[in-house]
Amino acid sequence: MGVPVVLQIILPVGTYFALSAESPSYSFAAQTVFLAPTGACWLAAVLCGLTCLRLARRSGADGQRTTAWTFGVLGLCVAGLEGLMLLVPFLYS
C-alpha cells in the first residue's frame, strides 16, 4: 500500500530537492525525503507479511488460512518493491 504513496508524492518531492540541491542541507533533506518514508513502508510490509505467514501456519485458523497466505505473500512482494525503491538512490549516486 505504501508504494503508490512513495511513487506519487514522496519521489517527486525528493527529486525536486535532489535536483535543486545547492547546499549540503538541501542534499540531506532530499535523501531524508527519499529514504525515511520508503524505509518505514518497507519495515511495515516486512512485519505484516511475516506476521500473516506466521498466522497462516497455525492449524486453528478456521478458513482464514488462504487469506493469511495471500496477504503474507502480498506484504513480502510490497517489501520487495520498497526495497528496490531504497536501492535506487544508491545505484545512481
C-alpha atoms as a PDB file:
ATOM      1  CA  MET A   1       0.000   0.000   0.000  1.00  0.00           C
ATOM      2  CA  GLY A   2       2.910   2.342   0.555  1.00  0.00           C
ATOM      3  CA  VAL A   3       4.260   2.034  -2.992  1.00  0.00           C
ATOM      4  CA  PRO A   4       1.723   4.429  -4.614  1.00  0.00           C
ATOM      5  CA  VAL A   5       2.317   6.991  -1.857  1.00  0.00           C
ATOM      6  CA  VAL A   6       6.064   6.812  -2.372  1.00  0.00           C
ATOM      7  CA  LEU A   7       5.817   6.986  -6.161  1.00  0.00           C
ATOM      8  CA  GLN A   8       3.207   9.742  -6.401  1.00  0.00           C
ATOM      9  CA  ILE A   9       4.127  12.081  -3.555  1.00  0.00           C
ATOM     10  CA  ILE A  10       7.476  11.413  -1.965  1.00  0.00           C
ATOM     11  CA  LEU A  11       9.538  10.566  -5.046  1.00  0.00           C
ATOM     12  CA  PRO A  12       8.742  13.818  -6.946  1.00  0.00           C
ATOM     13  CA  VAL A  13       9.372  15.949  -3.852  1.00  0.00           C
ATOM     14  CA  GLY A  14      12.656  14.163  -3.194  1.00  0.00           C
ATOM     15  CA  THR A  15      13.643  14.510  -6.842  1.00  0.00           C
ATOM     16  CA  TYR A  16      12.903  18.237  -6.750  1.00  0.00           C
ATOM     17  CA  PHE A  17      15.078  18.674  -3.663  1.00  0.00           C
ATOM     18  CA  ALA A  18      17.824  16.457  -5.082  1.00  0.00           C
ATOM     19  CA  LEU A  19      17.988  18.267  -8.426  1.00  0.00           C
ATOM     20  CA  SER A  20      17.904  21.704  -6.875  1.00  0.00           C
ATOM     21  CA  ALA A  21      20.287  20.871  -4.049  1.00  0.00           C
ATOM     22  CA  GLU A  22      22.974  23.509  -3.917  1.00  0.00           C
ATOM     23  CA  SER A  23      23.922  23.146  -0.285  1.00  0.00           C
ATOM     24  CA  PRO A  24      24.605  20.123   1.913  1.00  0.00           C
ATOM     25  CA  SER A  25      21.481  20.774   3.986  1.00  0.00           C
ATOM     26  CA  TYR A  26      19.247  20.508   0.902  1.00  0.00           C
ATOM     27  CA  SER A  27      21.068  17.390  -0.173  1.00  0.00           C
ATOM     28  CA  PHE A  28      20.493  15.861   3.269  1.00  0.00           C
ATOM     29  CA  ALA A  29      16.811  16.839   3.099  1.00  0.00           C
ATOM     30  CA  ALA A  30      16.489  15.187  -0.304  1.00  0.00           C
ATOM     31  CA  GLN A  31      17.954  11.918   0.962  1.00  0.00           C
ATOM     32  CA  THR A  32      15.717  12.048   4.039  1.00  0.00           C
ATOM     33  CA  VAL A  33      12.626  12.612   1.889  1.00  0.00           C
ATOM     34  CA  PHE A  34      13.660   9.666  -0.290  1.00  0.00           C
ATOM     35  CA  LEU A  35      14.698   7.154   2.342  1.00  0.00           C
ATOM     36  CA  ALA A  36      12.741   7.709   5.566  1.00  0.00           C
ATOM     37  CA  PRO A  37       9.168   7.071   4.332  1.00  0.00           C
ATOM     38  CA  THR A  38      10.296   4.342   1.957  1.00  0.00           C
ATOM     39  CA  GLY A  39      12.182   2.603   4.751  1.00  0.00           C
ATOM     40  CA  ALA A  40       9.162   2.870   7.040  1.00  0.00           C
ATOM     41  CA  CYS A  41       6.917   1.348   4.354  1.00  0.00           C
ATOM     42  CA  TRP A  42       9.457  -1.429   3.810  1.00  0.00           C
ATOM     43  CA  LEU A  43       9.622  -2.256   7.505  1.00  0.00           C
ATOM     44  CA  ALA A  44       5.823  -2.270   7.845  1.00  0.00           C
ATOM     45  CA  ALA A  45       5.427  -4.504   4.777  1.00  0.00           C
ATOM     46  CA  VAL A  46       8.019  -6.977   6.064  1.00  0.00           C
ATOM     47  CA  LEU A  47       6.474  -7.126   9.535  1.00  0.00           C
ATOM     48  CA  CYS A  48       2.921  -7.504   8.212  1.00  0.00           C
ATOM     49  CA  GLY A  49       3.941 -10.097   5.640  1.00  0.00           C
ATOM     50  CA  LEU A  50       5.846 -12.222   8.130  1.00  0.00           C
ATOM     51  CA  THR A  51       3.063 -11.925  10.717  1.00  0.00           C
ATOM     52  CA  CYS A  52       0.463 -13.072   8.188  1.00  0.00           C
ATOM     53  CA  LEU A  53       2.623 -16.003   7.136  1.00  0.00           C
ATOM     54  CA  ARG A  54       3.144 -16.976  10.778  1.00  0.00           C
ATOM     55  CA  LEU A  55      -0.608 -16.860  11.395  1.00  0.00           C
ATOM     56  CA  ALA A  56      -1.289 -18.872   8.217  1.00  0.00           C
ATOM     57  CA  ARG A  57       0.813 -21.746   9.522  1.00  0.00           C
ATOM     58  CA  ARG A  58      -1.472 -22.227  12.552  1.00  0.00           C
ATOM     59  CA  SER A  59      -3.893 -25.105  12.257  1.00  0.00           C
ATOM     60  CA  GLY A  60      -6.760 -23.329  14.054  1.00  0.00           C
ATOM     61  CA  ALA A  61      -7.192 -20.521  11.533  1.00  0.00           C
ATOM     62  CA  ASP A  62     -10.722 -21.720  10.548  1.00  0.00           C
ATOM     63  CA  GLY A  63     -10.987 -20.716   6.906  1.00  0.00           C
ATOM     64  CA  GLN A  64      -8.710 -17.710   7.195  1.00  0.00           C
ATOM     65  CA  ARG A  65      -5.538 -19.508   6.188  1.00  0.00           C
ATOM     66  CA  THR A  66      -5.885 -18.698   2.486  1.00  0.00           C
ATOM     67  CA  THR A  67      -6.410 -15.027   3.268  1.00  0.00           C
ATOM     68  CA  ALA A  68      -3.413 -15.023   5.602  1.00  0.00           C
ATOM     69  CA  TRP A  69      -1.205 -16.711   2.978  1.00  0.00           C
ATOM     70  CA  THR A  70      -2.364 -14.219   0.349  1.00  0.00           C
ATOM     71  CA  PHE A  71      -1.685 -11.158   2.474  1.00  0.00           C
ATOM     72  CA  GLY A  72       1.600 -12.601   3.710  1.00  0.00           C
ATOM     73  CA  VAL A  73       2.901 -13.091   0.192  1.00  0.00           C
ATOM     74  CA  LEU A  74       1.486  -9.725  -0.891  1.00  0.00           C
ATOM     75  CA  GLY A  75       3.195  -7.999   2.036  1.00  0.00           C
ATOM     76  CA  LEU A  76       6.540  -9.537   1.120  1.00  0.00           C
ATOM     77  CA  CYS A  77       6.078  -8.536  -2.543  1.00  0.00           C
ATOM     78  CA  VAL A  78       5.412  -4.951  -1.457  1.00  0.00           C
ATOM     79  CA  ALA A  79       8.529  -5.178   0.721  1.00  0.00           C
ATOM     80  CA  GLY A  80      10.483  -6.214  -2.382  1.00  0.00           C
ATOM     81  CA  LEU A  81       9.222  -3.190  -4.304  1.00  0.00           C
ATOM     82  CA  GLU A  82      10.019  -0.897  -1.402  1.00  0.00           C
ATOM     83  CA  GLY A  83      13.481  -2.442  -1.163  1.00  0.00           C
ATOM     84  CA  LEU A  84      14.067  -1.634  -4.814  1.00  0.00           C
ATOM     85  CA  MET A  85      12.991   1.949  -4.160  1.00  0.00           C
ATOM     86  CA  LEU A  86      15.515   2.114  -1.317  1.00  0.00           C
ATOM     87  CA  LEU A  87      18.280   0.952  -3.647  1.00  0.00           C
ATOM     88  CA  VAL A  88      17.546   3.386  -6.494  1.00  0.00           C
ATOM     89  CA  PRO A  89      19.252   6.450  -4.905  1.00  0.00           C
ATOM     90  CA  PHE A  90      22.352   4.386  -4.162  1.00  0.00           C
ATOM     91  CA  LEU A  91      22.542   2.983  -7.696  1.00  0.00           C
ATOM     92  CA  TYR A  92      22.506   6.434  -9.281  1.00  0.00           C
ATOM     93  CA  SER A  93      24.984   8.077  -6.930  1.00  0.00           C
END
